[in-house]
Amino acid sequence: MNGIVCAAAAPAINAVLYSGACKYAAGSSVRRTLCRASAFAVLAAGTALECAVLILQRGMPAGMLVALSAAVVCAATDAATGYVFDVVTLSALSFSFCASTFGHALPSSLAGAAACGGLYYVLYIVTGRRGIGLGDVKLAACIGAGLGVARGAEAAGVAFIAGGCWAAVLLMRGARRRSEMRFAPYMAAGALTCAAWSVLA
């Protein structure tokens, strides 16, 4: 897919995924948080960054586009509510597998999902289910399915470096060691950075 076409499609995809998250959370206080202006501001900023990255691309598999959109939407929902919704990650993951099947790239997509999701699942177990949530594991699988093993691993590396740097800043400001840290925004930053770097490098 052409980069400009992807950039034009991204806001619509993000709106559909975010709407799905809102419907999934219907009838709860989480839904009200997702509908606040601050949550939409995070989504808009993430979408703008995504579009900028997509414009740089000369060609992009449909699965990668949806993975980046899912990462941006999950960053917005996690920042606003602390939740990464299955309706976003599993829908995007399913689409990535379907798209890669038609593009004859299913083995690469499956390998990326297994490698990235597996890495985060190990961290989920090692941290006693506190540092990484299952929503992060599913988002990692989604990113891996769209970006592949190598770029997915690079995205994870960028996410951990960015998250670690911000955690160090918070600790220096006096935050407690067990303070909650929502990780999806860093995962989205890693995915977008690696997508951009693949063009600029």
N, C-alpha and C. Protein backbone atom coordinates (compact mmCIF):
# COMPACT_ATOMS: atom_id res chain seq x y z
N MET A 1 0.84 -1.20 0.00
CA MET A 1 0.00 0.00 0.00
C MET A 1 0.87 1.25 0.00
N ASN A 2 0.49 2.25 -0.79
CA ASN A 2 1.19 3.51 -0.86
C ASN A 2 1.12 4.25 0.47
N GLY A 3 2.23 4.95 0.82
CA GLY A 3 2.29 5.64 2.10
C GLY A 3 1.22 6.69 2.27
N ILE A 4 0.94 7.44 1.21
CA ILE A 4 -0.07 8.50 1.29
C ILE A 4 -1.46 7.89 1.48
N VAL A 5 -1.72 6.77 0.79
CA VAL A 5 -2.99 6.07 0.96
C VAL A 5 -3.14 5.58 2.39
N CYS A 6 -2.05 5.03 2.94
CA CYS A 6 -2.07 4.55 4.33
C CYS A 6 -2.33 5.69 5.30
N ALA A 7 -1.68 6.83 5.06
CA ALA A 7 -1.86 7.99 5.93
C ALA A 7 -3.29 8.49 5.88
N ALA A 8 -3.91 8.39 4.71
CA ALA A 8 -5.31 8.82 4.58
C ALA A 8 -6.25 7.84 5.28
N ALA A 9 -5.88 6.56 5.27
CA ALA A 9 -6.74 5.53 5.88
C ALA A 9 -6.57 5.44 7.39
N ALA A 10 -5.41 5.81 7.90
CA ALA A 10 -5.11 5.62 9.32
C ALA A 10 -6.12 6.29 10.26
N PRO A 11 -6.50 7.56 10.05
CA PRO A 11 -7.47 8.17 10.98
C PRO A 11 -8.79 7.41 11.04
N ALA A 12 -9.26 6.90 9.89
CA ALA A 12 -10.51 6.15 9.88
C ALA A 12 -10.36 4.83 10.63
N ILE A 13 -9.23 4.14 10.42
CA ILE A 13 -8.98 2.88 11.12
C ILE A 13 -8.91 3.12 12.62
N ASN A 14 -8.20 4.18 13.01
CA ASN A 14 -8.07 4.49 14.43
C ASN A 14 -9.42 4.83 15.05
N ALA A 15 -10.24 5.55 14.31
CA ALA A 15 -11.57 5.91 14.82
C ALA A 15 -12.42 4.66 15.03
N VAL A 16 -12.34 3.72 14.09
CA VAL A 16 -13.11 2.48 14.22
C VAL A 16 -12.63 1.67 15.42
N LEU A 17 -11.33 1.54 15.58
CA LEU A 17 -10.79 0.78 16.70
C LEU A 17 -11.11 1.44 18.05
N TYR A 18 -11.00 2.77 18.08
CA TYR A 18 -11.30 3.48 19.33
C TYR A 18 -12.78 3.39 19.67
N SER A 19 -13.62 3.47 18.64
CA SER A 19 -15.06 3.31 18.84
C SER A 19 -15.37 1.92 19.38
N GLY A 20 -14.65 0.92 18.87
CA GLY A 20 -14.83 -0.44 19.38
C GLY A 20 -14.47 -0.54 20.84
N ALA A 21 -13.40 0.14 21.26
CA ALA A 21 -13.01 0.14 22.67
C ALA A 21 -14.09 0.80 23.52
N CYS A 22 -14.66 1.90 23.01
CA CYS A 22 -15.71 2.60 23.76
C CYS A 22 -16.95 1.71 23.92
N LYS A 23 -17.32 1.00 22.87
CA LYS A 23 -18.47 0.10 22.95
C LYS A 23 -18.19 -1.07 23.88
N TYR A 24 -16.95 -1.55 23.86
CA TYR A 24 -16.54 -2.66 24.72
C TYR A 24 -16.66 -2.27 26.19
N ALA A 25 -16.39 -0.99 26.47
CA ALA A 25 -16.43 -0.49 27.85
C ALA A 25 -17.76 0.15 28.20
N ALA A 26 -18.79 -0.07 27.38
CA ALA A 26 -20.09 0.58 27.59
C ALA A 26 -20.66 0.27 28.96
N GLY A 27 -21.25 1.30 29.59
CA GLY A 27 -21.90 1.12 30.87
C GLY A 27 -20.97 1.17 32.07
N SER A 28 -19.71 1.55 31.86
CA SER A 28 -18.77 1.61 32.98
C SER A 28 -18.15 3.01 33.05
N SER A 29 -17.46 3.26 34.16
CA SER A 29 -16.79 4.55 34.32
C SER A 29 -15.64 4.67 33.32
N VAL A 30 -15.11 3.53 32.86
CA VAL A 30 -14.04 3.54 31.88
C VAL A 30 -14.52 4.19 30.59
N ARG A 31 -15.76 3.91 30.20
CA ARG A 31 -16.33 4.49 28.98
C ARG A 31 -16.34 6.01 29.09
N ARG A 32 -16.69 6.53 30.24
CA ARG A 32 -16.73 7.99 30.42
C ARG A 32 -15.33 8.59 30.29
N THR A 33 -14.34 7.87 30.80
CA THR A 33 -12.96 8.36 30.70
C THR A 33 -12.50 8.37 29.25
N LEU A 34 -12.89 7.36 28.48
CA LEU A 34 -12.51 7.28 27.07
C LEU A 34 -13.14 8.40 26.25
N CYS A 35 -14.25 8.94 26.74
CA CYS A 35 -14.95 9.99 26.00
C CYS A 35 -14.54 11.39 26.42
N ARG A 36 -13.56 11.51 27.30
CA ARG A 36 -13.10 12.83 27.72
C ARG A 36 -12.21 13.46 26.65
N ALA A 37 -12.15 14.77 26.67
CA ALA A 37 -11.36 15.51 25.68
C ALA A 37 -9.88 15.14 25.77
N SER A 38 -9.37 14.90 26.99
CA SER A 38 -7.96 14.56 27.16
C SER A 38 -7.62 13.24 26.47
N ALA A 39 -8.55 12.27 26.51
CA ALA A 39 -8.32 10.99 25.84
C ALA A 39 -8.29 11.18 24.33
N PHE A 40 -9.21 11.99 23.81
CA PHE A 40 -9.23 12.26 22.37
C PHE A 40 -7.98 13.03 21.94
N ALA A 41 -7.46 13.88 22.82
CA ALA A 41 -6.25 14.62 22.50
C ALA A 41 -5.06 13.69 22.33
N VAL A 42 -4.96 12.69 23.21
CA VAL A 42 -3.88 11.71 23.09
C VAL A 42 -4.03 10.92 21.80
N LEU A 43 -5.26 10.51 21.49
CA LEU A 43 -5.52 9.77 20.25
C LEU A 43 -5.17 10.62 19.03
N ALA A 44 -5.55 11.88 19.05
CA ALA A 44 -5.28 12.76 17.91
C ALA A 44 -3.78 12.96 17.71
N ALA A 45 -3.05 13.15 18.82
CA ALA A 45 -1.60 13.34 18.72
C ALA A 45 -0.92 12.09 18.19
N GLY A 46 -1.35 10.93 18.69
CA GLY A 46 -0.78 9.67 18.21
C GLY A 46 -1.09 9.43 16.75
N THR A 47 -2.29 9.75 16.34
CA THR A 47 -2.69 9.58 14.94
C THR A 47 -1.88 10.50 14.03
N ALA A 48 -1.64 11.72 14.48
CA ALA A 48 -0.85 12.65 13.69
C ALA A 48 0.58 12.13 13.49
N LEU A 49 1.17 11.59 14.55
CA LEU A 49 2.51 11.00 14.44
C LEU A 49 2.50 9.80 13.50
N GLU A 50 1.46 8.98 13.63
CA GLU A 50 1.35 7.81 12.77
C GLU A 50 1.26 8.23 11.30
N CYS A 51 0.45 9.22 11.00
CA CYS A 51 0.30 9.69 9.62
C CYS A 51 1.62 10.23 9.08
N ALA A 52 2.37 10.93 9.92
CA ALA A 52 3.67 11.45 9.49
C ALA A 52 4.62 10.31 9.12
N VAL A 53 4.60 9.25 9.93
CA VAL A 53 5.45 8.08 9.65
C VAL A 53 5.00 7.39 8.37
N LEU A 54 3.68 7.26 8.19
CA LEU A 54 3.15 6.55 7.04
C LEU A 54 3.45 7.28 5.73
N ILE A 55 3.45 8.60 5.76
CA ILE A 55 3.73 9.37 4.55
C ILE A 55 5.15 9.10 4.05
N LEU A 56 6.06 8.81 4.99
CA LEU A 56 7.44 8.52 4.61
C LEU A 56 7.57 7.17 3.89
N GLN A 57 6.61 6.31 4.11
CA GLN A 57 6.68 4.95 3.55
C GLN A 57 6.35 4.96 2.06
N ARG A 58 7.14 4.23 1.29
CA ARG A 58 6.84 4.07 -0.14
C ARG A 58 5.83 2.94 -0.35
N GLY A 59 5.89 1.98 0.49
CA GLY A 59 4.96 0.86 0.42
C GLY A 59 4.88 0.19 1.77
N MET A 60 3.69 -0.28 2.12
CA MET A 60 3.51 -0.86 3.45
C MET A 60 2.46 -1.97 3.38
N PRO A 61 2.76 -3.12 3.98
CA PRO A 61 1.74 -4.17 4.04
C PRO A 61 0.55 -3.71 4.88
N ALA A 62 -0.63 -4.18 4.52
CA ALA A 62 -1.84 -3.79 5.26
C ALA A 62 -1.75 -4.19 6.72
N GLY A 63 -1.12 -5.33 7.00
CA GLY A 63 -0.97 -5.78 8.38
C GLY A 63 -0.16 -4.83 9.23
N MET A 64 0.87 -4.23 8.63
CA MET A 64 1.68 -3.27 9.37
C MET A 64 0.89 -2.00 9.68
N LEU A 65 0.11 -1.54 8.72
CA LEU A 65 -0.73 -0.36 8.94
C LEU A 65 -1.67 -0.59 10.12
N VAL A 66 -2.34 -1.73 10.15
CA VAL A 66 -3.29 -2.01 11.23
C VAL A 66 -2.57 -2.18 12.56
N ALA A 67 -1.37 -2.77 12.54
CA ALA A 67 -0.60 -2.92 13.78
C ALA A 67 -0.23 -1.57 14.37
N LEU A 68 0.20 -0.64 13.52
CA LEU A 68 0.53 0.71 13.99
C LEU A 68 -0.71 1.42 14.52
N SER A 69 -1.83 1.24 13.83
CA SER A 69 -3.08 1.86 14.30
C SER A 69 -3.49 1.29 15.65
N ALA A 70 -3.38 -0.02 15.80
CA ALA A 70 -3.72 -0.65 17.08
C ALA A 70 -2.82 -0.14 18.19
N ALA A 71 -1.53 0.04 17.88
CA ALA A 71 -0.59 0.54 18.89
C ALA A 71 -0.96 1.94 19.33
N VAL A 72 -1.32 2.80 18.38
CA VAL A 72 -1.70 4.18 18.70
C VAL A 72 -2.97 4.21 19.53
N VAL A 73 -3.97 3.43 19.14
CA VAL A 73 -5.24 3.40 19.87
C VAL A 73 -5.03 2.84 21.28
N CYS A 74 -4.24 1.79 21.40
CA CYS A 74 -3.97 1.21 22.73
C CYS A 74 -3.19 2.18 23.61
N ALA A 75 -2.30 2.96 22.99
CA ALA A 75 -1.58 3.97 23.75
C ALA A 75 -2.55 4.99 24.33
N ALA A 76 -3.55 5.37 23.53
CA ALA A 76 -4.54 6.35 23.99
C ALA A 76 -5.42 5.77 25.09
N THR A 77 -5.91 4.53 24.91
CA THR A 77 -6.79 3.95 25.92
C THR A 77 -6.03 3.64 27.21
N ASP A 78 -4.78 3.20 27.07
CA ASP A 78 -3.99 2.88 28.26
C ASP A 78 -3.65 4.15 29.03
N ALA A 79 -3.27 5.20 28.31
CA ALA A 79 -2.95 6.47 28.97
C ALA A 79 -4.17 7.03 29.68
N ALA A 80 -5.35 6.85 29.08
CA ALA A 80 -6.57 7.44 29.65
C ALA A 80 -7.14 6.60 30.79
N THR A 81 -7.10 5.27 30.64
CA THR A 81 -7.82 4.41 31.59
C THR A 81 -6.97 3.34 32.26
N GLY A 82 -5.79 3.06 31.71
CA GLY A 82 -4.99 1.97 32.23
C GLY A 82 -5.35 0.61 31.63
N TYR A 83 -6.18 0.62 30.58
CA TYR A 83 -6.61 -0.63 29.94
C TYR A 83 -6.18 -0.68 28.48
N VAL A 84 -5.74 -1.88 28.07
CA VAL A 84 -5.53 -2.21 26.66
C VAL A 84 -6.62 -3.21 26.32
N PHE A 85 -7.51 -2.85 25.40
CA PHE A 85 -8.72 -3.64 25.17
C PHE A 85 -8.50 -4.75 24.15
N ASP A 86 -9.04 -5.94 24.48
CA ASP A 86 -8.95 -7.08 23.58
C ASP A 86 -9.61 -6.81 22.24
N VAL A 87 -10.69 -6.04 22.25
CA VAL A 87 -11.41 -5.78 21.01
C VAL A 87 -10.52 -5.05 20.00
N VAL A 88 -9.53 -4.31 20.49
CA VAL A 88 -8.59 -3.62 19.61
C VAL A 88 -7.47 -4.55 19.18
N THR A 89 -6.80 -5.16 20.15
CA THR A 89 -5.62 -5.97 19.83
C THR A 89 -5.98 -7.24 19.06
N LEU A 90 -7.01 -7.94 19.49
CA LEU A 90 -7.36 -9.20 18.83
C LEU A 90 -7.94 -8.97 17.44
N SER A 91 -8.70 -7.87 17.27
CA SER A 91 -9.21 -7.54 15.94
C SER A 91 -8.06 -7.24 14.99
N ALA A 92 -7.12 -6.42 15.45
CA ALA A 92 -5.97 -6.06 14.61
C ALA A 92 -5.10 -7.28 14.32
N LEU A 93 -4.93 -8.13 15.32
CA LEU A 93 -4.12 -9.34 15.14
C LEU A 93 -4.75 -10.26 14.10
N SER A 94 -6.05 -10.43 14.18
CA SER A 94 -6.77 -11.27 13.22
C SER A 94 -6.64 -10.71 11.81
N PHE A 95 -6.78 -9.39 11.69
CA PHE A 95 -6.68 -8.77 10.37
C PHE A 95 -5.27 -8.94 9.81
N SER A 96 -4.25 -8.78 10.68
CA SER A 96 -2.86 -8.94 10.22
C SER A 96 -2.62 -10.33 9.67
N PHE A 97 -3.15 -11.34 10.36
CA PHE A 97 -2.97 -12.71 9.89
C PHE A 97 -3.68 -12.92 8.54
N CYS A 98 -4.89 -12.38 8.43
CA CYS A 98 -5.64 -12.52 7.17
C CYS A 98 -4.91 -11.81 6.02
N ALA A 99 -4.46 -10.58 6.29
CA ALA A 99 -3.77 -9.81 5.25
C ALA A 99 -2.47 -10.48 4.84
N SER A 100 -1.74 -11.03 5.80
CA SER A 100 -0.47 -11.69 5.49
C SER A 100 -0.70 -12.99 4.71
N THR A 101 -1.85 -13.61 4.94
CA THR A 101 -2.19 -14.82 4.17
C THR A 101 -2.33 -14.49 2.69
N PHE A 102 -3.05 -13.41 2.39
CA PHE A 102 -3.22 -13.00 1.01
C PHE A 102 -1.91 -12.49 0.41
N GLY A 103 -1.03 -11.95 1.27
CA GLY A 103 0.25 -11.45 0.80
C GLY A 103 1.35 -12.49 0.84
N HIS A 104 0.98 -13.74 1.11
CA HIS A 104 1.93 -14.85 1.17
C HIS A 104 3.05 -14.60 2.21
N ALA A 105 2.68 -13.98 3.32
CA ALA A 105 3.66 -13.67 4.37
C ALA A 105 3.19 -14.17 5.73
N LEU A 106 2.29 -15.17 5.73
CA LEU A 106 1.75 -15.66 7.00
C LEU A 106 2.82 -16.21 7.94
N PRO A 107 3.81 -17.00 7.44
CA PRO A 107 4.84 -17.50 8.37
C PRO A 107 5.58 -16.38 9.09
N SER A 108 5.91 -15.30 8.36
CA SER A 108 6.60 -14.17 8.98
C SER A 108 5.72 -13.49 10.02
N SER A 109 4.44 -13.36 9.70
CA SER A 109 3.50 -12.72 10.63
C SER A 109 3.32 -13.55 11.90
N LEU A 110 3.19 -14.85 11.72
CA LEU A 110 3.04 -15.74 12.88
C LEU A 110 4.30 -15.75 13.74
N ALA A 111 5.46 -15.75 13.07
CA ALA A 111 6.72 -15.74 13.81
C ALA A 111 6.88 -14.46 14.61
N GLY A 112 6.52 -13.32 13.99
CA GLY A 112 6.61 -12.04 14.69
C GLY A 112 5.70 -11.98 15.89
N ALA A 113 4.46 -12.47 15.71
CA ALA A 113 3.51 -12.47 16.83
C ALA A 113 4.00 -13.37 17.96
N ALA A 114 4.53 -14.54 17.61
CA ALA A 114 5.00 -15.48 18.62
C ALA A 114 6.22 -14.95 19.36
N ALA A 115 7.16 -14.36 18.60
CA ALA A 115 8.39 -13.86 19.21
C ALA A 115 8.12 -12.68 20.14
N CYS A 116 7.40 -11.69 19.64
CA CYS A 116 7.15 -10.48 20.44
C CYS A 116 6.17 -10.75 21.58
N GLY A 117 5.10 -11.48 21.27
CA GLY A 117 4.16 -11.83 22.33
C GLY A 117 4.81 -12.71 23.38
N GLY A 118 5.66 -13.65 22.92
CA GLY A 118 6.35 -14.53 23.86
C GLY A 118 7.30 -13.78 24.78
N LEU A 119 8.03 -12.80 24.20
CA LEU A 119 8.94 -11.99 25.01
C LEU A 119 8.20 -11.26 26.11
N TYR A 120 7.10 -10.63 25.77
CA TYR A 120 6.33 -9.88 26.77
C TYR A 120 5.66 -10.83 27.77
N TYR A 121 5.28 -12.02 27.30
CA TYR A 121 4.65 -12.97 28.24
C TYR A 121 5.66 -13.44 29.28
N VAL A 122 6.89 -13.66 28.85
CA VAL A 122 7.94 -14.04 29.81
C VAL A 122 8.12 -12.93 30.85
N LEU A 123 8.14 -11.68 30.39
CA LEU A 123 8.26 -10.55 31.32
C LEU A 123 7.04 -10.45 32.23
N TYR A 124 5.88 -10.78 31.69
CA TYR A 124 4.64 -10.79 32.48
C TYR A 124 4.76 -11.78 33.64
N ILE A 125 5.35 -12.95 33.36
CA ILE A 125 5.53 -13.96 34.41
C ILE A 125 6.63 -13.54 35.38
N VAL A 126 7.77 -13.09 34.83
CA VAL A 126 8.93 -12.74 35.66
C VAL A 126 8.63 -11.61 36.63
N THR A 127 7.84 -10.64 36.18
CA THR A 127 7.52 -9.48 37.03
C THR A 127 6.36 -9.75 37.99
N GLY A 128 5.94 -11.00 38.05
CA GLY A 128 4.84 -11.32 38.95
C GLY A 128 3.53 -10.69 38.53
N ARG A 129 3.36 -10.49 37.22
CA ARG A 129 2.12 -9.94 36.64
C ARG A 129 1.85 -8.50 37.09
N ARG A 130 2.92 -7.79 37.43
CA ARG A 130 2.76 -6.40 37.87
C ARG A 130 3.33 -5.42 36.86
N GLY A 131 4.53 -5.69 36.36
CA GLY A 131 5.16 -4.73 35.46
C GLY A 131 4.54 -4.71 34.08
N ILE A 132 4.13 -5.88 33.59
CA ILE A 132 3.54 -6.02 32.26
C ILE A 132 2.20 -6.71 32.41
N GLY A 133 1.17 -6.21 31.72
CA GLY A 133 -0.15 -6.82 31.77
C GLY A 133 -0.40 -7.70 30.56
N LEU A 134 -1.43 -8.50 30.63
CA LEU A 134 -1.77 -9.36 29.49
C LEU A 134 -2.18 -8.53 28.27
N GLY A 135 -2.76 -7.36 28.51
CA GLY A 135 -3.08 -6.48 27.40
C GLY A 135 -1.82 -6.07 26.64
N ASP A 136 -0.73 -5.81 27.37
CA ASP A 136 0.55 -5.48 26.74
C ASP A 136 1.08 -6.66 25.94
N VAL A 137 0.88 -7.87 26.46
CA VAL A 137 1.33 -9.08 25.76
C VAL A 137 0.60 -9.20 24.41
N LYS A 138 -0.71 -8.99 24.42
CA LYS A 138 -1.49 -9.08 23.18
C LYS A 138 -1.12 -7.97 22.20
N LEU A 139 -0.86 -6.79 22.73
CA LEU A 139 -0.45 -5.69 21.86
C LEU A 139 0.91 -6.00 21.24
N ALA A 140 1.81 -6.59 22.02
CA ALA A 140 3.13 -6.97 21.50
C ALA A 140 3.00 -7.99 20.38
N ALA A 141 2.09 -8.95 20.55
CA ALA A 141 1.86 -9.94 19.50
C ALA A 141 1.33 -9.27 18.24
N CYS A 142 0.46 -8.30 18.42
CA CYS A 142 -0.11 -7.55 17.29
C CYS A 142 0.99 -6.78 16.55
N ILE A 143 1.85 -6.10 17.30
CA ILE A 143 2.95 -5.35 16.70
C ILE A 143 3.91 -6.30 15.97
N GLY A 144 4.21 -7.42 16.59
CA GLY A 144 5.10 -8.40 15.96
C GLY A 144 4.51 -8.97 14.69
N ALA A 145 3.20 -9.20 14.69
CA ALA A 145 2.54 -9.74 13.49
C ALA A 145 2.61 -8.74 12.34
N GLY A 146 2.51 -7.46 12.65
CA GLY A 146 2.54 -6.44 11.60
C GLY A 146 3.93 -6.06 11.15
N LEU A 147 4.89 -6.04 12.09
CA LEU A 147 6.23 -5.57 11.77
C LEU A 147 7.22 -6.70 11.48
N GLY A 148 6.90 -7.93 11.91
CA GLY A 148 7.83 -9.03 11.75
C GLY A 148 8.74 -9.18 12.96
N VAL A 149 9.53 -10.24 12.96
CA VAL A 149 10.36 -10.56 14.12
C VAL A 149 11.40 -9.48 14.39
N ALA A 150 12.18 -9.11 13.37
CA ALA A 150 13.28 -8.17 13.58
C ALA A 150 12.80 -6.79 14.01
N ARG A 151 11.87 -6.22 13.25
CA ARG A 151 11.37 -4.88 13.60
C ARG A 151 10.56 -4.92 14.89
N GLY A 152 9.84 -6.01 15.12
CA GLY A 152 9.09 -6.14 16.37
C GLY A 152 10.02 -6.16 17.57
N ALA A 153 11.15 -6.87 17.44
CA ALA A 153 12.14 -6.90 18.53
C ALA A 153 12.76 -5.52 18.74
N GLU A 154 13.04 -4.83 17.63
CA GLU A 154 13.58 -3.48 17.74
C GLU A 154 12.58 -2.54 18.42
N ALA A 155 11.31 -2.69 18.06
CA ALA A 155 10.27 -1.87 18.68
C ALA A 155 10.20 -2.11 20.18
N ALA A 156 10.33 -3.38 20.57
CA ALA A 156 10.33 -3.71 22.01
C ALA A 156 11.53 -3.08 22.70
N GLY A 157 12.69 -3.11 22.04
CA GLY A 157 13.88 -2.50 22.62
C GLY A 157 13.72 -1.01 22.83
N VAL A 158 13.18 -0.33 21.83
CA VAL A 158 12.94 1.12 21.96
C VAL A 158 11.95 1.40 23.07
N ALA A 159 10.90 0.57 23.15
CA ALA A 159 9.88 0.76 24.19
C ALA A 159 10.49 0.64 25.59
N PHE A 160 11.33 -0.38 25.79
CA PHE A 160 11.93 -0.58 27.11
C PHE A 160 12.93 0.53 27.45
N ILE A 161 13.66 1.00 26.46
CA ILE A 161 14.61 2.10 26.72
C ILE A 161 13.85 3.37 27.09
N ALA A 162 12.81 3.69 26.29
CA ALA A 162 12.02 4.90 26.56
C ALA A 162 11.31 4.79 27.91
N GLY A 163 10.71 3.63 28.16
CA GLY A 163 10.03 3.43 29.44
C GLY A 163 10.98 3.48 30.61
N GLY A 164 12.16 2.89 30.44
CA GLY A 164 13.16 2.90 31.51
C GLY A 164 13.65 4.30 31.82
N CYS A 165 13.87 5.09 30.78
CA CYS A 165 14.32 6.47 30.98
C CYS A 165 13.27 7.29 31.73
N TRP A 166 12.00 7.12 31.34
CA TRP A 166 10.94 7.87 32.01
C TRP A 166 10.75 7.38 33.45
N ALA A 167 10.92 6.08 33.67
CA ALA A 167 10.83 5.55 35.04
C ALA A 167 11.93 6.14 35.91
N ALA A 168 13.13 6.28 35.34
CA ALA A 168 14.24 6.87 36.10
C ALA A 168 13.93 8.31 36.46
N VAL A 169 13.32 9.04 35.53
CA VAL A 169 12.94 10.43 35.81
C VAL A 169 11.92 10.48 36.94
N LEU A 170 10.93 9.58 36.89
CA LEU A 170 9.91 9.55 37.94
C LEU A 170 10.51 9.22 39.30
N LEU A 171 11.46 8.29 39.33
CA LEU A 171 12.11 7.92 40.59
C LEU A 171 12.91 9.10 41.16
N MET A 172 13.57 9.83 40.28
CA MET A 172 14.34 11.00 40.73
C MET A 172 13.43 12.09 41.26
N ARG A 173 12.17 12.08 40.78
CA ARG A 173 11.19 13.06 41.26
C ARG A 173 10.51 12.61 42.54
N GLY A 174 10.87 11.42 43.00
CA GLY A 174 10.32 10.95 44.27
C GLY A 174 9.21 9.93 44.17
N ALA A 175 8.95 9.40 42.98
CA ALA A 175 7.90 8.40 42.83
C ALA A 175 8.30 7.10 43.52
N ARG A 176 7.31 6.34 43.97
CA ARG A 176 7.59 5.06 44.60
C ARG A 176 7.97 4.03 43.56
N ARG A 177 8.76 3.04 43.99
CA ARG A 177 9.24 2.02 43.06
C ARG A 177 8.10 1.19 42.48
N ARG A 178 7.03 1.03 43.22
CA ARG A 178 5.91 0.22 42.76
C ARG A 178 4.77 1.05 42.18
N SER A 179 5.08 2.28 41.82
CA SER A 179 4.05 3.13 41.21
C SER A 179 3.64 2.54 39.86
N GLU A 180 2.36 2.73 39.51
CA GLU A 180 1.85 2.21 38.24
C GLU A 180 2.48 2.95 37.07
N MET A 181 2.85 2.18 36.05
CA MET A 181 3.40 2.77 34.83
C MET A 181 2.71 2.11 33.64
N ARG A 182 1.97 2.90 32.90
CA ARG A 182 1.22 2.37 31.76
C ARG A 182 2.15 2.29 30.55
N PHE A 183 2.29 1.08 30.01
CA PHE A 183 3.38 0.81 29.09
C PHE A 183 3.00 0.91 27.61
N ALA A 184 1.72 0.84 27.27
CA ALA A 184 1.32 0.86 25.86
C ALA A 184 1.81 2.10 25.10
N PRO A 185 1.83 3.29 25.72
CA PRO A 185 2.36 4.44 24.98
C PRO A 185 3.80 4.25 24.54
N TYR A 186 4.61 3.58 25.36
CA TYR A 186 6.00 3.33 24.99
C TYR A 186 6.09 2.28 23.89
N MET A 187 5.19 1.31 23.92
CA MET A 187 5.15 0.30 22.86
C MET A 187 4.78 0.94 21.53
N ALA A 188 3.83 1.87 21.57
CA ALA A 188 3.46 2.58 20.34
C ALA A 188 4.62 3.42 19.83
N ALA A 189 5.32 4.08 20.75
CA ALA A 189 6.49 4.89 20.36
C ALA A 189 7.55 4.01 19.72
N GLY A 190 7.75 2.82 20.26
CA GLY A 190 8.72 1.89 19.69
C GLY A 190 8.33 1.45 18.30
N ALA A 191 7.06 1.11 18.11
CA ALA A 191 6.59 0.65 16.81
C ALA A 191 6.70 1.76 15.76
N LEU A 192 6.29 2.98 16.11
CA LEU A 192 6.35 4.09 15.17
C LEU A 192 7.81 4.47 14.86
N THR A 193 8.66 4.42 15.87
CA THR A 193 10.08 4.75 15.66
C THR A 193 10.73 3.78 14.69
N CYS A 194 10.45 2.49 14.88
CA CYS A 194 11.06 1.48 14.01
C CYS A 194 10.50 1.54 12.59
N ALA A 195 9.21 1.85 12.47
CA ALA A 195 8.62 2.02 11.14
C ALA A 195 9.25 3.20 10.41
N ALA A 196 9.51 4.29 11.14
CA ALA A 196 10.13 5.46 10.54
C ALA A 196 11.61 5.18 10.22
N TRP A 197 12.28 4.50 11.13
CA TRP A 197 13.70 4.22 10.96
C TRP A 197 13.96 3.32 9.75
N SER A 198 13.03 2.43 9.46
CA SER A 198 13.19 1.54 8.31
C SER A 198 13.25 2.31 7.00
N VAL A 199 12.66 3.51 6.98
CA VAL A 199 12.68 4.34 5.78
C VAL A 199 13.90 5.26 5.78
N LEU A 200 14.20 5.83 6.94
CA LEU A 200 15.26 6.84 7.02
C LEU A 200 16.66 6.25 7.05
N ALA A 201 16.75 4.98 7.51
CA ALA A 201 18.08 4.36 7.65
C ALA A 201 18.73 4.12 6.30
